[in-house]
């Protein structure tokens, strides 16, 4: 499942990021993302311990992984991770389409 999260800084509904929750370790998710980047012909810009940056069709974006520790002030017992995307530059609609395809395949 992929959901949209509104950008609180701009309060513009068209300025949205995509996110999903997975039970895979961050290292596994980042390796899968690198393979997906190659499959989808996305240029890999940089990789670190919690994110991957890429570029396709003049759209730059980042995909990051964070541990979910609490939901509505209730502790989470399972090892769940939030995988989200954010657009750095380029067309919003194109970025959303690329990121949606990546998140659906994770």
N, C-alpha and C. Protein backbone atom coordinates (compact mmCIF):
# COMPACT_ATOMS: atom_id res chain seq x y z
N UNK A 1 0.84 -1.17 0.00
CA UNK A 1 0.00 0.00 0.00
C UNK A 1 0.89 1.24 0.00
N UNK A 2 0.60 2.17 -0.86
CA UNK A 2 1.33 3.42 -0.94
C UNK A 2 0.35 4.53 -0.58
N UNK A 3 0.76 5.43 0.32
CA UNK A 3 -0.12 6.52 0.70
C UNK A 3 0.57 7.85 0.45
N UNK A 4 -0.22 8.89 0.33
CA UNK A 4 0.30 10.23 0.12
C UNK A 4 0.35 10.97 1.44
N UNK A 5 1.42 11.73 1.64
CA UNK A 5 1.53 12.57 2.83
C UNK A 5 1.71 14.00 2.38
N UNK A 6 0.90 14.91 2.91
CA UNK A 6 0.98 16.31 2.51
C UNK A 6 2.21 16.96 3.08
N UNK A 7 2.76 17.89 2.34
CA UNK A 7 3.93 18.64 2.79
C UNK A 7 3.44 19.74 3.73
N UNK A 8 3.74 19.62 5.00
CA UNK A 8 3.24 20.56 6.00
C UNK A 8 3.85 21.94 5.83
N UNK A 9 5.04 22.03 5.28
CA UNK A 9 5.70 23.33 5.15
C UNK A 9 4.99 24.22 4.14
N UNK A 10 4.55 23.66 3.01
CA UNK A 10 3.91 24.49 1.98
C UNK A 10 2.40 24.50 2.09
N UNK A 11 1.82 23.48 2.74
CA UNK A 11 0.36 23.34 2.87
C UNK A 11 -0.33 23.33 1.51
N UNK A 12 0.40 22.89 0.47
CA UNK A 12 -0.14 22.78 -0.87
C UNK A 12 -0.48 21.31 -1.11
N UNK A 13 -1.77 20.99 -1.38
CA UNK A 13 -2.14 19.59 -1.55
C UNK A 13 -1.46 18.93 -2.74
N UNK A 14 -1.05 19.70 -3.75
CA UNK A 14 -0.37 19.10 -4.90
C UNK A 14 1.07 18.76 -4.57
N UNK A 15 1.62 19.34 -3.52
CA UNK A 15 2.99 19.10 -3.09
C UNK A 15 2.97 17.95 -2.09
N UNK A 16 2.99 16.72 -2.59
CA UNK A 16 2.86 15.56 -1.72
C UNK A 16 4.04 14.61 -1.89
N UNK A 17 4.28 13.83 -0.86
CA UNK A 17 5.28 12.77 -0.87
C UNK A 17 4.53 11.45 -0.77
N UNK A 18 5.17 10.37 -1.20
CA UNK A 18 4.58 9.05 -1.10
C UNK A 18 5.32 8.25 -0.04
N UNK A 19 4.62 7.34 0.62
CA UNK A 19 5.25 6.52 1.66
C UNK A 19 4.53 5.19 1.76
N UNK A 20 5.25 4.20 2.29
CA UNK A 20 4.69 2.90 2.57
C UNK A 20 5.39 2.32 3.79
N UNK A 21 4.80 1.34 4.43
CA UNK A 21 5.40 0.70 5.60
C UNK A 21 5.76 -0.73 5.23
N UNK A 22 6.99 -1.13 5.57
CA UNK A 22 7.47 -2.47 5.27
C UNK A 22 8.05 -3.10 6.53
N UNK A 23 8.17 -4.43 6.50
CA UNK A 23 8.76 -5.15 7.64
C UNK A 23 10.17 -5.61 7.32
N UNK A 24 10.75 -5.14 6.23
CA UNK A 24 12.11 -5.51 5.83
C UNK A 24 13.12 -4.59 6.48
N UNK A 25 14.31 -5.11 6.73
CA UNK A 25 15.40 -4.30 7.28
C UNK A 25 15.81 -3.22 6.28
N UNK A 26 16.28 -2.06 6.76
CA UNK A 26 16.68 -0.97 5.87
C UNK A 26 17.74 -1.38 4.84
N UNK A 27 18.71 -2.19 5.23
CA UNK A 27 19.75 -2.61 4.28
C UNK A 27 19.14 -3.39 3.12
N UNK A 28 18.18 -4.24 3.42
CA UNK A 28 17.51 -5.03 2.38
C UNK A 28 16.72 -4.12 1.46
N UNK A 29 15.99 -3.17 2.04
CA UNK A 29 15.19 -2.22 1.25
C UNK A 29 16.10 -1.40 0.34
N UNK A 30 17.22 -0.91 0.85
CA UNK A 30 18.12 -0.10 0.04
C UNK A 30 18.75 -0.91 -1.09
N UNK A 31 19.07 -2.17 -0.85
CA UNK A 31 19.59 -3.03 -1.92
C UNK A 31 18.53 -3.27 -2.99
N UNK A 32 17.30 -3.50 -2.56
CA UNK A 32 16.20 -3.68 -3.51
C UNK A 32 16.00 -2.41 -4.35
N UNK A 33 16.09 -1.26 -3.69
CA UNK A 33 15.93 0.00 -4.41
C UNK A 33 17.02 0.18 -5.46
N UNK A 34 18.24 -0.17 -5.13
CA UNK A 34 19.33 -0.04 -6.10
C UNK A 34 19.08 -0.94 -7.31
N UNK A 35 18.56 -2.16 -7.09
CA UNK A 35 18.23 -3.04 -8.21
C UNK A 35 17.08 -2.47 -9.04
N UNK A 36 16.07 -1.93 -8.34
CA UNK A 36 14.94 -1.32 -9.05
C UNK A 36 15.37 -0.11 -9.86
N UNK A 37 16.31 0.69 -9.32
CA UNK A 37 16.83 1.84 -10.06
C UNK A 37 17.42 1.37 -11.38
N UNK A 38 18.18 0.27 -11.35
CA UNK A 38 18.79 -0.26 -12.57
C UNK A 38 17.71 -0.76 -13.53
N UNK A 39 16.71 -1.48 -13.01
CA UNK A 39 15.64 -2.01 -13.85
C UNK A 39 14.83 -0.91 -14.52
N UNK A 40 14.56 0.17 -13.77
CA UNK A 40 13.75 1.28 -14.29
C UNK A 40 14.58 2.36 -14.95
N UNK A 41 15.89 2.13 -15.08
CA UNK A 41 16.81 3.07 -15.71
C UNK A 41 16.82 4.43 -15.02
N UNK A 42 16.85 4.38 -13.69
CA UNK A 42 16.96 5.58 -12.87
C UNK A 42 18.44 5.77 -12.54
N UNK A 43 18.96 6.98 -12.76
CA UNK A 43 20.35 7.28 -12.46
C UNK A 43 20.53 7.36 -10.95
N UNK A 44 21.42 6.54 -10.40
CA UNK A 44 21.69 6.52 -8.96
C UNK A 44 22.63 7.67 -8.63
N UNK A 45 22.19 8.59 -7.77
CA UNK A 45 22.99 9.77 -7.41
C UNK A 45 23.84 9.54 -6.18
N UNK A 46 23.26 9.03 -5.12
CA UNK A 46 24.03 8.76 -3.90
C UNK A 46 23.28 7.78 -3.01
N UNK A 47 24.04 7.11 -2.16
CA UNK A 47 23.47 6.14 -1.23
C UNK A 47 24.12 6.36 0.13
N UNK A 48 23.33 6.34 1.19
CA UNK A 48 23.89 6.31 2.55
C UNK A 48 23.11 5.28 3.36
N UNK A 49 23.29 5.25 4.65
CA UNK A 49 22.71 4.21 5.50
C UNK A 49 21.18 4.23 5.54
N UNK A 50 20.56 5.38 5.25
CA UNK A 50 19.10 5.43 5.35
C UNK A 50 18.40 6.01 4.13
N UNK A 51 19.14 6.33 3.05
CA UNK A 51 18.46 6.88 1.88
C UNK A 51 19.22 6.62 0.60
N UNK A 52 18.48 6.76 -0.51
CA UNK A 52 19.03 6.64 -1.85
C UNK A 52 18.50 7.84 -2.63
N UNK A 53 19.35 8.47 -3.40
CA UNK A 53 18.92 9.59 -4.24
C UNK A 53 19.08 9.19 -5.70
N UNK A 54 18.11 9.60 -6.51
CA UNK A 54 18.15 9.24 -7.92
C UNK A 54 17.63 10.35 -8.80
N UNK A 55 17.79 10.12 -10.12
CA UNK A 55 17.32 11.09 -11.10
C UNK A 55 16.84 10.36 -12.34
N UNK A 56 15.69 10.78 -12.85
CA UNK A 56 15.15 10.25 -14.10
C UNK A 56 14.29 11.33 -14.74
N UNK A 57 14.45 11.51 -16.05
CA UNK A 57 13.67 12.51 -16.80
C UNK A 57 13.74 13.89 -16.17
N UNK A 58 14.93 14.29 -15.75
CA UNK A 58 15.17 15.60 -15.13
C UNK A 58 14.44 15.80 -13.80
N UNK A 59 14.08 14.71 -13.17
CA UNK A 59 13.44 14.76 -11.85
C UNK A 59 14.40 14.14 -10.85
N UNK A 60 14.75 14.90 -9.82
CA UNK A 60 15.60 14.38 -8.75
C UNK A 60 14.74 14.12 -7.53
N UNK A 61 15.00 12.98 -6.89
CA UNK A 61 14.20 12.60 -5.73
C UNK A 61 15.04 11.76 -4.79
N UNK A 62 14.53 11.60 -3.57
CA UNK A 62 15.19 10.78 -2.57
C UNK A 62 14.18 9.77 -2.03
N UNK A 63 14.68 8.58 -1.72
CA UNK A 63 13.87 7.55 -1.07
C UNK A 63 14.58 7.24 0.24
N UNK A 64 13.88 7.35 1.36
CA UNK A 64 14.49 7.17 2.67
C UNK A 64 13.75 6.12 3.48
N UNK A 65 14.45 5.56 4.47
CA UNK A 65 13.90 4.51 5.32
C UNK A 65 14.11 4.90 6.78
N UNK A 66 13.03 4.91 7.56
CA UNK A 66 13.11 5.21 8.99
C UNK A 66 12.34 4.16 9.78
N UNK A 67 12.80 3.87 10.97
CA UNK A 67 12.12 2.91 11.85
C UNK A 67 10.87 3.57 12.45
N UNK A 68 9.78 2.82 12.46
CA UNK A 68 8.54 3.28 13.09
C UNK A 68 8.62 2.89 14.56
N UNK A 69 8.61 3.88 15.44
CA UNK A 69 8.73 3.60 16.87
C UNK A 69 7.40 3.74 17.61
N UNK A 70 6.53 4.61 17.12
CA UNK A 70 5.24 4.81 17.78
C UNK A 70 4.19 5.25 16.77
N UNK A 71 2.96 4.85 17.03
CA UNK A 71 1.83 5.28 16.22
C UNK A 71 0.79 5.83 17.17
N UNK A 72 0.47 7.11 17.02
CA UNK A 72 -0.47 7.80 17.90
C UNK A 72 -0.14 7.55 19.37
N UNK A 73 1.10 7.80 19.74
CA UNK A 73 1.62 7.68 21.10
C UNK A 73 1.60 6.26 21.67
N UNK A 74 1.40 5.27 20.83
CA UNK A 74 1.45 3.87 21.27
C UNK A 74 2.70 3.23 20.69
N UNK A 75 3.48 2.56 21.52
CA UNK A 75 4.72 1.93 21.06
C UNK A 75 4.42 0.81 20.08
N UNK A 76 5.32 0.64 19.12
CA UNK A 76 5.19 -0.41 18.11
C UNK A 76 6.15 -1.53 18.48
N UNK A 77 5.62 -2.74 18.68
CA UNK A 77 6.45 -3.88 19.06
C UNK A 77 7.18 -4.49 17.87
N UNK A 78 6.54 -4.53 16.71
CA UNK A 78 7.13 -5.16 15.52
C UNK A 78 8.19 -4.25 14.90
N UNK A 79 9.10 -4.85 14.17
CA UNK A 79 10.11 -4.08 13.45
C UNK A 79 9.51 -3.60 12.14
N UNK A 80 8.94 -2.40 12.16
CA UNK A 80 8.34 -1.81 10.97
C UNK A 80 9.15 -0.59 10.56
N UNK A 81 9.22 -0.37 9.24
CA UNK A 81 10.00 0.74 8.70
C UNK A 81 9.15 1.53 7.71
N UNK A 82 9.25 2.84 7.79
CA UNK A 82 8.57 3.73 6.87
C UNK A 82 9.51 4.02 5.72
N UNK A 83 9.07 3.71 4.51
CA UNK A 83 9.85 4.00 3.31
C UNK A 83 9.11 5.15 2.62
N UNK A 84 9.77 6.29 2.51
CA UNK A 84 9.13 7.46 1.94
C UNK A 84 9.95 8.07 0.83
N UNK A 85 9.31 8.96 0.10
CA UNK A 85 9.99 9.64 -1.00
C UNK A 85 9.82 11.14 -0.85
N UNK A 86 10.73 11.86 -1.44
CA UNK A 86 10.59 13.31 -1.48
C UNK A 86 11.23 13.82 -2.77
N UNK A 87 10.56 14.78 -3.39
CA UNK A 87 11.05 15.37 -4.64
C UNK A 87 12.05 16.47 -4.31
N UNK A 88 13.18 16.44 -4.99
CA UNK A 88 14.20 17.47 -4.78
C UNK A 88 14.11 18.54 -5.88
N UNK A 89 13.85 18.12 -7.11
CA UNK A 89 13.66 19.07 -8.20
C UNK A 89 12.96 18.36 -9.35
N UNK A 90 12.35 19.14 -10.21
CA UNK A 90 11.67 18.57 -11.38
C UNK A 90 10.16 18.58 -11.24
N UNK A 91 9.52 17.99 -12.23
CA UNK A 91 8.06 17.97 -12.32
C UNK A 91 7.44 17.10 -11.22
N UNK A 92 6.44 17.61 -10.54
CA UNK A 92 5.80 16.91 -9.43
C UNK A 92 5.09 15.65 -9.88
N UNK A 93 4.36 15.71 -10.99
CA UNK A 93 3.58 14.56 -11.45
C UNK A 93 4.50 13.43 -11.90
N UNK A 94 5.55 13.77 -12.62
CA UNK A 94 6.52 12.77 -13.05
C UNK A 94 7.20 12.13 -11.86
N UNK A 95 7.57 12.92 -10.88
CA UNK A 95 8.21 12.40 -9.67
C UNK A 95 7.27 11.45 -8.94
N UNK A 96 6.03 11.82 -8.80
CA UNK A 96 5.06 10.98 -8.11
C UNK A 96 4.89 9.64 -8.83
N UNK A 97 4.89 9.67 -10.16
CA UNK A 97 4.75 8.45 -10.95
C UNK A 97 5.95 7.53 -10.76
N UNK A 98 7.15 8.07 -10.84
CA UNK A 98 8.38 7.28 -10.67
C UNK A 98 8.42 6.68 -9.27
N UNK A 99 8.18 7.50 -8.25
CA UNK A 99 8.25 7.03 -6.86
C UNK A 99 7.16 6.01 -6.56
N UNK A 100 5.99 6.19 -7.13
CA UNK A 100 4.90 5.23 -6.92
C UNK A 100 5.31 3.86 -7.46
N UNK A 101 5.90 3.84 -8.66
CA UNK A 101 6.35 2.57 -9.23
C UNK A 101 7.41 1.90 -8.37
N UNK A 102 8.32 2.69 -7.83
CA UNK A 102 9.36 2.14 -6.95
C UNK A 102 8.77 1.54 -5.68
N UNK A 103 7.89 2.28 -5.04
CA UNK A 103 7.31 1.83 -3.77
C UNK A 103 6.42 0.60 -3.93
N UNK A 104 5.73 0.51 -5.06
CA UNK A 104 4.86 -0.65 -5.27
C UNK A 104 5.66 -1.94 -5.44
N UNK A 105 6.90 -1.84 -5.91
CA UNK A 105 7.71 -3.03 -6.15
C UNK A 105 8.54 -3.44 -4.95
N UNK A 106 8.56 -2.65 -3.90
CA UNK A 106 9.33 -3.01 -2.71
C UNK A 106 8.60 -4.08 -1.93
